[in-house]
Full PDB file with SEQRES, HELIX, SHEET, SSBOND, CRYST1, ORIGX, SCALE, CONECT and MASTER records, all heavy atoms in Angstrom:
SEQRES   1 A   37  LYS PHE GLU ARG GLN ASP GLY SER THR PHE ARG TYR ALA          
SEQRES   2 A   37  HIS PHE GLY ALA ALA VAL THR SER ALA GLY LEU VAL LEU          
SEQRES   3 A   37  SER PRO ASP THR SER GLU SER GLY MET ALA LEU                  
HELIX    1 AA1 THR A   30  SER A   33  1                                   4    
SHEET    1 AA1 2 PHE A   2  GLU A   3  0                                        
SHEET    2 AA1 2 THR A   9  PHE A  10 -1                                        
CRYST1    1.000    1.000    1.000  90.00  90.00  90.00 P 1           1          
ORIGX1      1.000000  0.000000  0.000000        0.00000                         
ORIGX2      0.000000  1.000000  0.000000        0.00000                         
ORIGX3      0.000000  0.000000  1.000000        0.00000                         
SCALE1      1.000000  0.000000  0.000000        0.00000                         
SCALE2      0.000000  1.000000  0.000000        0.00000                         
SCALE3      0.000000  0.000000  1.000000        0.00000                         
ATOM      1  N   LYS A   1       0.749  -1.197  -0.016  1.00  0.00           N  
ATOM      2  CA  LYS A   1       0.011  -0.010  -0.036  1.00  0.00           C  
ATOM      3  C   LYS A   1       0.847   1.270  -0.062  1.00  0.00           C  
ATOM      4  O   LYS A   1       1.827   1.398   0.755  1.00  0.00           O  
ATOM      5  CB  LYS A   1      -0.894   0.024   1.222  1.00  0.00           C  
ATOM      6  CG  LYS A   1      -1.765   1.256   1.420  1.00  0.00           C  
ATOM      7  CD  LYS A   1      -2.589   1.078   2.719  1.00  0.00           C  
ATOM      8  CE  LYS A   1      -3.409   2.275   2.940  1.00  0.00           C  
ATOM      9  NZ  LYS A   1      -4.123   2.211   4.219  1.00  0.00           N  
ATOM     10  N   PHE A   2       0.452   2.275  -0.812  1.00  0.00           N  
ATOM     11  CA  PHE A   2       1.047   3.581  -0.777  1.00  0.00           C  
ATOM     12  C   PHE A   2      -0.133   4.589  -0.564  1.00  0.00           C  
ATOM     13  O   PHE A   2      -1.132   4.476  -1.357  1.00  0.00           O  
ATOM     14  CB  PHE A   2       1.821   3.825  -2.103  1.00  0.00           C  
ATOM     15  CG  PHE A   2       2.114   5.312  -2.221  1.00  0.00           C  
ATOM     16  CD1 PHE A   2       3.194   5.838  -1.539  1.00  0.00           C  
ATOM     17  CD2 PHE A   2       1.454   6.176  -3.024  1.00  0.00           C  
ATOM     18  CE1 PHE A   2       3.599   7.223  -1.639  1.00  0.00           C  
ATOM     19  CE2 PHE A   2       1.671   7.544  -3.173  1.00  0.00           C  
ATOM     20  CZ  PHE A   2       2.821   8.100  -2.470  1.00  0.00           C  
ATOM     21  N   GLU A   3      -0.013   5.490   0.393  1.00  0.00           N  
ATOM     22  CA  GLU A   3      -1.010   6.510   0.606  1.00  0.00           C  
ATOM     23  C   GLU A   3      -0.405   7.833   0.255  1.00  0.00           C  
ATOM     24  O   GLU A   3       0.656   8.255   0.828  1.00  0.00           O  
ATOM     25  CB  GLU A   3      -1.500   6.460   2.012  1.00  0.00           C  
ATOM     26  CG  GLU A   3      -2.656   7.449   2.358  1.00  0.00           C  
ATOM     27  CD  GLU A   3      -3.306   7.194   3.723  1.00  0.00           C  
ATOM     28  OE1 GLU A   3      -2.996   6.268   4.310  1.00  0.00           O  
ATOM     29  OE2 GLU A   3      -4.121   8.165   3.927  1.00  0.00           O  
ATOM     30  N   ARG A   4      -1.111   8.568  -0.612  1.00  0.00           N  
ATOM     31  CA  ARG A   4      -0.720   9.936  -0.930  1.00  0.00           C  
ATOM     32  C   ARG A   4      -1.184  11.000   0.173  1.00  0.00           C  
ATOM     33  O   ARG A   4      -2.058  10.622   0.924  1.00  0.00           O  
ATOM     34  CB  ARG A   4      -1.288  10.263  -2.313  1.00  0.00           C  
ATOM     35  CG  ARG A   4      -0.568  11.315  -3.132  1.00  0.00           C  
ATOM     36  CD  ARG A   4      -1.101  11.296  -4.529  1.00  0.00           C  
ATOM     37  NE  ARG A   4      -2.509  11.547  -4.521  1.00  0.00           N  
ATOM     38  CZ  ARG A   4      -3.209  11.429  -5.764  1.00  0.00           C  
ATOM     39  NH1 ARG A   4      -2.588  11.053  -6.858  1.00  0.00           N  
ATOM     40  NH2 ARG A   4      -4.473  11.590  -5.743  1.00  0.00           N  
ATOM     41  N   GLN A   5      -0.613  12.291   0.050  1.00  0.00           N  
ATOM     42  CA  GLN A   5      -0.907  13.153   1.117  1.00  0.00           C  
ATOM     43  C   GLN A   5      -2.492  13.446   1.104  1.00  0.00           C  
ATOM     44  O   GLN A   5      -3.036  13.918   2.230  1.00  0.00           O  
ATOM     45  CB  GLN A   5      -0.203  14.499   0.732  1.00  0.00           C  
ATOM     46  CG  GLN A   5       1.269  14.452   0.890  1.00  0.00           C  
ATOM     47  CD  GLN A   5       2.056  14.038  -0.311  1.00  0.00           C  
ATOM     48  OE1 GLN A   5       1.391  13.370  -1.255  1.00  0.00           O  
ATOM     49  NE2 GLN A   5       3.227  14.448  -0.633  1.00  0.00           N  
ATOM     50  N   ASP A   6      -3.197  13.371   0.040  1.00  0.00           N  
ATOM     51  CA  ASP A   6      -4.654  13.631   0.046  1.00  0.00           C  
ATOM     52  C   ASP A   6      -5.458  12.485   0.509  1.00  0.00           C  
ATOM     53  O   ASP A   6      -6.741  12.597   0.448  1.00  0.00           O  
ATOM     54  CB  ASP A   6      -5.058  14.161  -1.365  1.00  0.00           C  
ATOM     55  CG  ASP A   6      -4.829  13.011  -2.432  1.00  0.00           C  
ATOM     56  OD1 ASP A   6      -4.310  12.004  -2.141  1.00  0.00           O  
ATOM     57  OD2 ASP A   6      -5.311  13.179  -3.596  1.00  0.00           O  
ATOM     58  N   GLY A   7      -4.877  11.315   0.878  1.00  0.00           N  
ATOM     59  CA  GLY A   7      -5.550  10.270   1.386  1.00  0.00           C  
ATOM     60  C   GLY A   7      -5.825   9.176   0.373  1.00  0.00           C  
ATOM     61  O   GLY A   7      -6.378   8.132   0.640  1.00  0.00           O  
ATOM     62  N   SER A   8      -5.571   9.547  -0.812  1.00  0.00           N  
ATOM     63  CA  SER A   8      -5.746   8.450  -1.998  1.00  0.00           C  
ATOM     64  C   SER A   8      -4.789   7.390  -1.702  1.00  0.00           C  
ATOM     65  O   SER A   8      -3.562   7.620  -1.313  1.00  0.00           O  
ATOM     66  CB  SER A   8      -5.484   9.099  -3.316  1.00  0.00           C  
ATOM     67  OG  SER A   8      -6.439  10.070  -3.545  1.00  0.00           O  
ATOM     68  N   THR A   9      -5.179   6.168  -1.891  1.00  0.00           N  
ATOM     69  CA  THR A   9      -4.427   4.995  -1.716  1.00  0.00           C  
ATOM     70  C   THR A   9      -4.174   4.076  -2.985  1.00  0.00           C  
ATOM     71  O   THR A   9      -5.128   4.048  -3.895  1.00  0.00           O  
ATOM     72  CB  THR A   9      -4.918   4.031  -0.602  1.00  0.00           C  
ATOM     73  OG1 THR A   9      -6.177   3.638  -0.999  1.00  0.00           O  
ATOM     74  CG2 THR A   9      -4.969   4.828   0.733  1.00  0.00           C  
ATOM     75  N   PHE A  10      -3.026   3.533  -3.097  1.00  0.00           N  
ATOM     76  CA  PHE A  10      -2.748   2.660  -4.217  1.00  0.00           C  
ATOM     77  C   PHE A  10      -2.135   1.322  -3.662  1.00  0.00           C  
ATOM     78  O   PHE A  10      -1.527   1.255  -2.694  1.00  0.00           O  
ATOM     79  CB  PHE A  10      -1.662   3.412  -5.098  1.00  0.00           C  
ATOM     80  CG  PHE A  10      -2.147   4.828  -5.466  1.00  0.00           C  
ATOM     81  CD1 PHE A  10      -1.992   5.888  -4.628  1.00  0.00           C  
ATOM     82  CD2 PHE A  10      -2.667   4.986  -6.745  1.00  0.00           C  
ATOM     83  CE1 PHE A  10      -2.400   7.165  -5.036  1.00  0.00           C  
ATOM     84  CE2 PHE A  10      -3.126   6.246  -7.097  1.00  0.00           C  
ATOM     85  CZ  PHE A  10      -3.032   7.318  -6.373  1.00  0.00           C  
ATOM     86  N   ARG A  11      -2.376   0.388  -4.650  1.00  0.00           N  
ATOM     87  CA  ARG A  11      -1.770  -1.051  -4.219  1.00  0.00           C  
ATOM     88  C   ARG A  11      -1.030  -1.480  -5.358  1.00  0.00           C  
ATOM     89  O   ARG A  11      -1.429  -1.420  -6.634  1.00  0.00           O  
ATOM     90  CB  ARG A  11      -3.122  -1.987  -3.839  1.00  0.00           C  
ATOM     91  CG  ARG A  11      -3.823  -1.485  -2.771  1.00  0.00           C  
ATOM     92  CD  ARG A  11      -3.285  -2.014  -1.395  1.00  0.00           C  
ATOM     93  NE  ARG A  11      -4.179  -1.723  -0.247  1.00  0.00           N  
ATOM     94  CZ  ARG A  11      -4.148  -2.077   0.973  1.00  0.00           C  
ATOM     95  NH1 ARG A  11      -3.072  -2.845   1.177  1.00  0.00           N  
ATOM     96  NH2 ARG A  11      -5.001  -1.804   1.799  1.00  0.00           N  
ATOM     97  N   TYR A  12       0.029  -2.410  -5.095  1.00  0.00           N  
ATOM     98  CA  TYR A  12       0.816  -2.934  -6.027  1.00  0.00           C  
ATOM     99  C   TYR A  12       0.166  -4.248  -6.492  1.00  0.00           C  
ATOM    100  O   TYR A  12      -0.280  -5.045  -5.622  1.00  0.00           O  
ATOM    101  CB  TYR A  12       2.195  -3.279  -5.535  1.00  0.00           C  
ATOM    102  CG  TYR A  12       3.218  -3.692  -6.531  1.00  0.00           C  
ATOM    103  CD1 TYR A  12       3.641  -2.746  -7.556  1.00  0.00           C  
ATOM    104  CD2 TYR A  12       3.663  -4.917  -6.607  1.00  0.00           C  
ATOM    105  CE1 TYR A  12       4.551  -3.185  -8.484  1.00  0.00           C  
ATOM    106  CE2 TYR A  12       4.594  -5.288  -7.568  1.00  0.00           C  
ATOM    107  CZ  TYR A  12       5.079  -4.423  -8.519  1.00  0.00           C  
ATOM    108  OH  TYR A  12       5.934  -4.831  -9.403  1.00  0.00           O  
ATOM    109  N   ALA A  13      -0.013  -4.439  -7.796  1.00  0.00           N  
ATOM    110  CA  ALA A  13      -0.874  -5.476  -8.287  1.00  0.00           C  
ATOM    111  C   ALA A  13      -0.207  -6.246  -9.471  1.00  0.00           C  
ATOM    112  O   ALA A  13       0.748  -5.835 -10.107  1.00  0.00           O  
ATOM    113  CB  ALA A  13      -2.256  -4.889  -8.709  1.00  0.00           C  
ATOM    114  N   HIS A  14      -0.837  -7.487  -9.773  1.00  0.00           N  
ATOM    115  CA  HIS A  14      -0.416  -8.229 -10.903  1.00  0.00           C  
ATOM    116  C   HIS A  14      -1.633  -8.303 -11.770  1.00  0.00           C  
ATOM    117  O   HIS A  14      -2.724  -8.541 -11.450  1.00  0.00           O  
ATOM    118  CB  HIS A  14       0.049  -9.571 -10.391  1.00  0.00           C  
ATOM    119  CG  HIS A  14       0.130 -10.586 -11.600  1.00  0.00           C  
ATOM    120  ND1 HIS A  14      -0.950 -11.493 -11.916  1.00  0.00           N  
ATOM    121  CD2 HIS A  14       1.075 -10.896 -12.377  1.00  0.00           C  
ATOM    122  CE1 HIS A  14      -0.614 -12.210 -13.023  1.00  0.00           C  
ATOM    123  NE2 HIS A  14       0.685 -11.844 -13.310  1.00  0.00           N  
ATOM    124  N   PHE A  15      -1.298  -8.139 -13.138  1.00  0.00           N  
ATOM    125  CA  PHE A  15      -2.394  -8.138 -14.221  1.00  0.00           C  
ATOM    126  C   PHE A  15      -2.342  -9.489 -14.904  1.00  0.00           C  
ATOM    127  O   PHE A  15      -1.340  -9.909 -15.502  1.00  0.00           O  
ATOM    128  CB  PHE A  15      -2.271  -7.019 -15.141  1.00  0.00           C  
ATOM    129  CG  PHE A  15      -2.165  -5.681 -14.510  1.00  0.00           C  
ATOM    130  CD1 PHE A  15      -0.938  -4.997 -14.429  1.00  0.00           C  
ATOM    131  CD2 PHE A  15      -3.303  -5.163 -13.916  1.00  0.00           C  
ATOM    132  CE1 PHE A  15      -0.885  -3.711 -13.751  1.00  0.00           C  
ATOM    133  CE2 PHE A  15      -3.286  -3.758 -13.168  1.00  0.00           C  
ATOM    134  CZ  PHE A  15      -2.046  -3.152 -13.096  1.00  0.00           C  
ATOM    135  N   GLY A  16      -3.510 -10.236 -14.985  1.00  0.00           N  
ATOM    136  CA  GLY A  16      -3.568 -11.424 -15.574  1.00  0.00           C  
ATOM    137  C   GLY A  16      -3.828 -11.393 -17.049  1.00  0.00           C  
ATOM    138  O   GLY A  16      -3.891 -12.338 -17.859  1.00  0.00           O  
ATOM    139  N   ALA A  17      -4.406 -10.129 -17.479  1.00  0.00           N  
ATOM    140  CA  ALA A  17      -4.758  -9.887 -18.904  1.00  0.00           C  
ATOM    141  C   ALA A  17      -4.352  -8.482 -19.228  1.00  0.00           C  
ATOM    142  O   ALA A  17      -4.178  -7.552 -18.290  1.00  0.00           O  
ATOM    143  CB  ALA A  17      -6.133 -10.105 -19.117  1.00  0.00           C  
ATOM    144  N   ALA A  18      -4.194  -8.090 -20.454  1.00  0.00           N  
ATOM    145  CA  ALA A  18      -3.904  -6.644 -20.805  1.00  0.00           C  
ATOM    146  C   ALA A  18      -4.958  -5.753 -20.330  1.00  0.00           C  
ATOM    147  O   ALA A  18      -6.214  -5.987 -20.485  1.00  0.00           O  
ATOM    148  CB  ALA A  18      -3.618  -6.635 -22.239  1.00  0.00           C  
ATOM    149  N   VAL A  19      -4.519  -4.659 -19.770  1.00  0.00           N  
ATOM    150  CA  VAL A  19      -5.378  -3.583 -19.296  1.00  0.00           C  
ATOM    151  C   VAL A  19      -5.246  -2.515 -20.352  1.00  0.00           C  
ATOM    152  O   VAL A  19      -4.343  -1.877 -20.452  1.00  0.00           O  
ATOM    153  CB  VAL A  19      -5.116  -3.055 -17.937  1.00  0.00           C  
ATOM    154  CG1 VAL A  19      -5.989  -1.912 -17.549  1.00  0.00           C  
ATOM    155  CG2 VAL A  19      -5.184  -4.168 -16.869  1.00  0.00           C  
ATOM    156  N   THR A  20      -6.275  -2.207 -21.096  1.00  0.00           N  
ATOM    157  CA  THR A  20      -6.260  -1.373 -22.316  1.00  0.00           C  
ATOM    158  C   THR A  20      -6.051   0.160 -22.036  1.00  0.00           C  
ATOM    159  O   THR A  20      -5.682   0.936 -22.855  1.00  0.00           O  
ATOM    160  CB  THR A  20      -7.372  -1.543 -23.293  1.00  0.00           C  
ATOM    161  OG1 THR A  20      -8.612  -1.308 -22.468  1.00  0.00           O  
ATOM    162  CG2 THR A  20      -7.347  -3.011 -23.701  1.00  0.00           C  
ATOM    163  N   SER A  21      -6.545   0.636 -20.839  1.00  0.00           N  
ATOM    164  CA  SER A  21      -6.434   2.060 -20.585  1.00  0.00           C  
ATOM    165  C   SER A  21      -6.474   2.301 -19.000  1.00  0.00           C  
ATOM    166  O   SER A  21      -6.824   1.371 -18.339  1.00  0.00           O  
ATOM    167  CB  SER A  21      -7.558   2.865 -21.188  1.00  0.00           C  
ATOM    168  OG  SER A  21      -8.808   2.664 -20.585  1.00  0.00           O  
ATOM    169  N   ALA A  22      -6.168   3.541 -18.734  1.00  0.00           N  
ATOM    170  CA  ALA A  22      -6.455   3.973 -17.301  1.00  0.00           C  
ATOM    171  C   ALA A  22      -7.982   4.036 -17.093  1.00  0.00           C  
ATOM    172  O   ALA A  22      -8.692   4.058 -18.117  1.00  0.00           O  
ATOM    173  CB  ALA A  22      -5.816   5.356 -17.080  1.00  0.00           C  
ATOM    174  N   GLY A  23      -8.410   4.067 -15.840  1.00  0.00           N  
ATOM    175  CA  GLY A  23      -9.711   4.338 -15.547  1.00  0.00           C  
ATOM    176  C   GLY A  23     -10.691   3.140 -15.633  1.00  0.00           C  
ATOM    177  O   GLY A  23     -11.921   3.347 -15.795  1.00  0.00           O  
ATOM    178  N   LEU A  24     -10.160   1.993 -15.601  1.00  0.00           N  
ATOM    179  CA  LEU A  24     -11.005   0.739 -15.743  1.00  0.00           C  
ATOM    180  C   LEU A  24     -11.056   0.053 -14.361  1.00  0.00           C  
ATOM    181  O   LEU A  24     -10.058  -0.057 -13.603  1.00  0.00           O  
ATOM    182  CB  LEU A  24     -10.410  -0.195 -16.726  1.00  0.00           C  
ATOM    183  CG  LEU A  24     -10.360   0.140 -18.152  1.00  0.00           C  
ATOM    184  CD1 LEU A  24      -9.747  -0.953 -18.980  1.00  0.00           C  
ATOM    185  CD2 LEU A  24     -11.749   0.559 -18.696  1.00  0.00           C  
ATOM    186  N   VAL A  25     -12.242  -0.335 -13.909  1.00  0.00           N  
ATOM    187  CA  VAL A  25     -12.519  -1.131 -12.710  1.00  0.00           C  
ATOM    188  C   VAL A  25     -11.964  -2.481 -12.929  1.00  0.00           C  
ATOM    189  O   VAL A  25     -12.149  -3.063 -13.906  1.00  0.00           O  
ATOM    190  CB  VAL A  25     -13.924  -1.101 -12.223  1.00  0.00           C  
ATOM    191  CG1 VAL A  25     -14.102  -1.820 -10.991  1.00  0.00           C  
ATOM    192  CG2 VAL A  25     -14.529   0.201 -12.242  1.00  0.00           C  
ATOM    193  N   LEU A  26     -11.120  -3.056 -11.960  1.00  0.00           N  
ATOM    194  CA  LEU A  26     -10.463  -4.214 -12.058  1.00  0.00           C  
ATOM    195  C   LEU A  26     -10.862  -5.193 -11.049  1.00  0.00           C  
ATOM    196  O   LEU A  26     -11.229  -4.856  -9.960  1.00  0.00           O  
ATOM    197  CB  LEU A  26      -8.976  -3.991 -11.990  1.00  0.00           C  
ATOM    198  CG  LEU A  26      -8.342  -3.028 -12.898  1.00  0.00           C  
ATOM    199  CD1 LEU A  26      -6.834  -2.780 -12.553  1.00  0.00           C  
ATOM    200  CD2 LEU A  26      -8.436  -3.450 -14.396  1.00  0.00           C  
ATOM    201  N   SER A  27     -10.887  -6.536 -11.360  1.00  0.00           N  
ATOM    202  CA  SER A  27     -11.099  -7.607 -10.452  1.00  0.00           C  
ATOM    203  C   SER A  27     -10.309  -8.822 -10.714  1.00  0.00           C  
ATOM    204  O   SER A  27      -9.948  -8.941 -11.957  1.00  0.00           O  
ATOM    205  CB  SER A  27     -12.680  -7.949 -10.421  1.00  0.00           C  
ATOM    206  OG  SER A  27     -12.944  -8.593 -11.709  1.00  0.00           O  
ATOM    207  N   PRO A  28     -10.026  -9.682  -9.857  1.00  0.00           N  
ATOM    208  CA  PRO A  28      -9.138 -10.929 -10.016  1.00  0.00           C  
ATOM    209  C   PRO A  28      -9.955 -11.927 -10.887  1.00  0.00           C  
ATOM    210  O   PRO A  28     -11.261 -12.039 -10.758  1.00  0.00           O  
ATOM    211  CB  PRO A  28      -8.761 -11.340  -8.743  1.00  0.00           C  
ATOM    212  CG  PRO A  28      -9.934 -10.890  -7.736  1.00  0.00           C  
ATOM    213  CD  PRO A  28     -10.353  -9.660  -8.401  1.00  0.00           C  
ATOM    214  N   ASP A  29      -9.217 -12.771 -11.693  1.00  0.00           N  
ATOM    215  CA  ASP A  29      -9.803 -13.863 -12.338  1.00  0.00           C  
ATOM    216  C   ASP A  29      -9.746 -14.934 -11.305  1.00  0.00           C  
ATOM    217  O   ASP A  29      -8.619 -15.523 -11.117  1.00  0.00           O  
ATOM    218  CB  ASP A  29      -9.120 -14.166 -13.669  1.00  0.00           C  
ATOM    219  CG  ASP A  29      -9.741 -15.383 -14.511  1.00  0.00           C  
ATOM    220  OD1 ASP A  29     -10.439 -16.120 -13.851  1.00  0.00           O  
ATOM    221  OD2 ASP A  29      -9.482 -15.376 -15.587  1.00  0.00           O  
ATOM    222  N   THR A  30     -10.779 -15.401 -10.650  1.00  0.00           N  
ATOM    223  CA  THR A  30     -10.759 -16.351  -9.618  1.00  0.00           C  
ATOM    224  C   THR A  30     -10.338 -17.687 -10.139  1.00  0.00           C  
ATOM    225  O   THR A  30      -9.938 -18.616  -9.392  1.00  0.00           O  
ATOM    226  CB  THR A  30     -11.972 -16.457  -8.870  1.00  0.00           C  
ATOM    227  OG1 THR A  30     -13.127 -16.663  -9.821  1.00  0.00           O  
ATOM    228  CG2 THR A  30     -12.320 -15.088  -8.181  1.00  0.00           C  
ATOM    229  N   SER A  31     -10.564 -17.993 -11.395  1.00  0.00           N  
ATOM    230  CA  SER A  31     -10.228 -19.261 -11.954  1.00  0.00           C  
ATOM    231  C   SER A  31      -8.792 -19.492 -12.081  1.00  0.00           C  
ATOM    232  O   SER A  31      -8.328 -20.674 -12.067  1.00  0.00           O  
ATOM    233  CB  SER A  31     -10.952 -19.470 -13.339  1.00  0.00           C  
ATOM    234  OG  SER A  31     -10.181 -18.688 -14.278  1.00  0.00           O  
ATOM    235  N   GLU A  32      -7.998 -18.446 -11.993  1.00  0.00           N  
ATOM    236  CA  GLU A  32      -6.574 -18.499 -12.129  1.00  0.00           C  
ATOM    237  C   GLU A  32      -5.817 -18.384 -10.795  1.00  0.00           C  
ATOM    238  O   GLU A  32      -4.659 -18.739 -10.559  1.00  0.00           O  
ATOM    239  CB  GLU A  32      -6.033 -17.266 -12.994  1.00  0.00           C  
ATOM    240  CG  GLU A  32      -6.469 -17.407 -14.365  1.00  0.00           C  
ATOM    241  CD  GLU A  32      -5.944 -16.224 -15.232  1.00  0.00           C  
ATOM    242  OE1 GLU A  32      -5.325 -15.375 -14.582  1.00  0.00           O  
ATOM    243  OE2 GLU A  32      -6.263 -16.097 -16.467  1.00  0.00           O  
ATOM    244  N   SER A  33      -6.560 -17.934  -9.770  1.00  0.00           N  
ATOM    245  CA  SER A  33      -5.852 -17.707  -8.428  1.00  0.00           C  
ATOM    246  C   SER A  33      -6.588 -18.292  -7.322  1.00  0.00           C  
ATOM    247  O   SER A  33      -6.056 -18.008  -6.125  1.00  0.00           O  
ATOM    248  CB  SER A  33      -5.652 -16.147  -8.197  1.00  0.00           C  
ATOM    249  OG  SER A  33      -6.914 -15.520  -8.349  1.00  0.00           O  
ATOM    250  N   GLY A  34      -7.598 -19.019  -7.495  1.00  0.00           N  
ATOM    251  CA  GLY A  34      -8.337 -19.608  -6.257  1.00  0.00           C  
ATOM    252  C   GLY A  34      -8.591 -21.147  -6.476  1.00  0.00           C  
ATOM    253  O   GLY A  34      -8.245 -21.739  -7.498  1.00  0.00           O  
ATOM    254  N   MET A  35      -9.212 -21.683  -5.502  1.00  0.00           N  
ATOM    255  CA  MET A  35      -9.625 -23.111  -5.599  1.00  0.00           C  
ATOM    256  C   MET A  35     -11.053 -23.268  -4.987  1.00  0.00           C  
ATOM    257  O   MET A  35     -11.235 -22.866  -3.863  1.00  0.00           O  
ATOM    258  CB  MET A  35      -8.603 -24.009  -4.852  1.00  0.00           C  
ATOM    259  CG  MET A  35      -8.851 -25.453  -4.890  1.00  0.00           C  
ATOM    260  SD  MET A  35      -7.738 -26.471  -3.965  1.00  0.00           S  
ATOM    261  CE  MET A  35      -8.282 -26.469  -2.299  1.00  0.00           C  
ATOM    262  N   ALA A  36     -11.904 -23.755  -5.720  1.00  0.00           N  
ATOM    263  CA  ALA A  36     -13.237 -24.111  -5.255  1.00  0.00           C  
ATOM    264  C   ALA A  36     -13.237 -25.120  -4.192  1.00  0.00           C  
ATOM    265  O   ALA A  36     -12.298 -25.799  -3.978  1.00  0.00           O  
ATOM    266  CB  ALA A  36     -14.115 -24.540  -6.447  1.00  0.00           C  
ATOM    267  N   LEU A  37     -14.277 -25.189  -3.443  1.00  0.00           N  
ATOM    268  CA  LEU A  37     -14.402 -26.060  -2.330  1.00  0.00           C  
ATOM    269  C   LEU A  37     -13.905 -27.495  -2.753  1.00  0.00           C  
ATOM    270  O   LEU A  37     -14.561 -28.072  -3.757  1.00  0.00           O  
ATOM    271  CB  LEU A  37     -15.912 -26.077  -1.730  1.00  0.00           C  
ATOM    272  CG  LEU A  37     -16.058 -27.077  -0.632  1.00  0.00           C  
ATOM    273  CD1 LEU A  37     -15.322 -26.522   0.636  1.00  0.00           C  
ATOM    274  CD2 LEU A  37     -17.556 -27.014  -0.230  1.00  0.00           C  
TER     275      LEU A  37                                                      
MASTER        0    0    0    1    2    0    0    6  274    1    0    3          
END                                                                             
């Protein structure tokens, strides 16, 4: 985590697919990083 002076926070992340631009809401692909019951 990095927090800027105005309170905005940022997290270091890994992208599983190309992100085509800034301003996109992101979520993890659970099929690649999790295990069902």
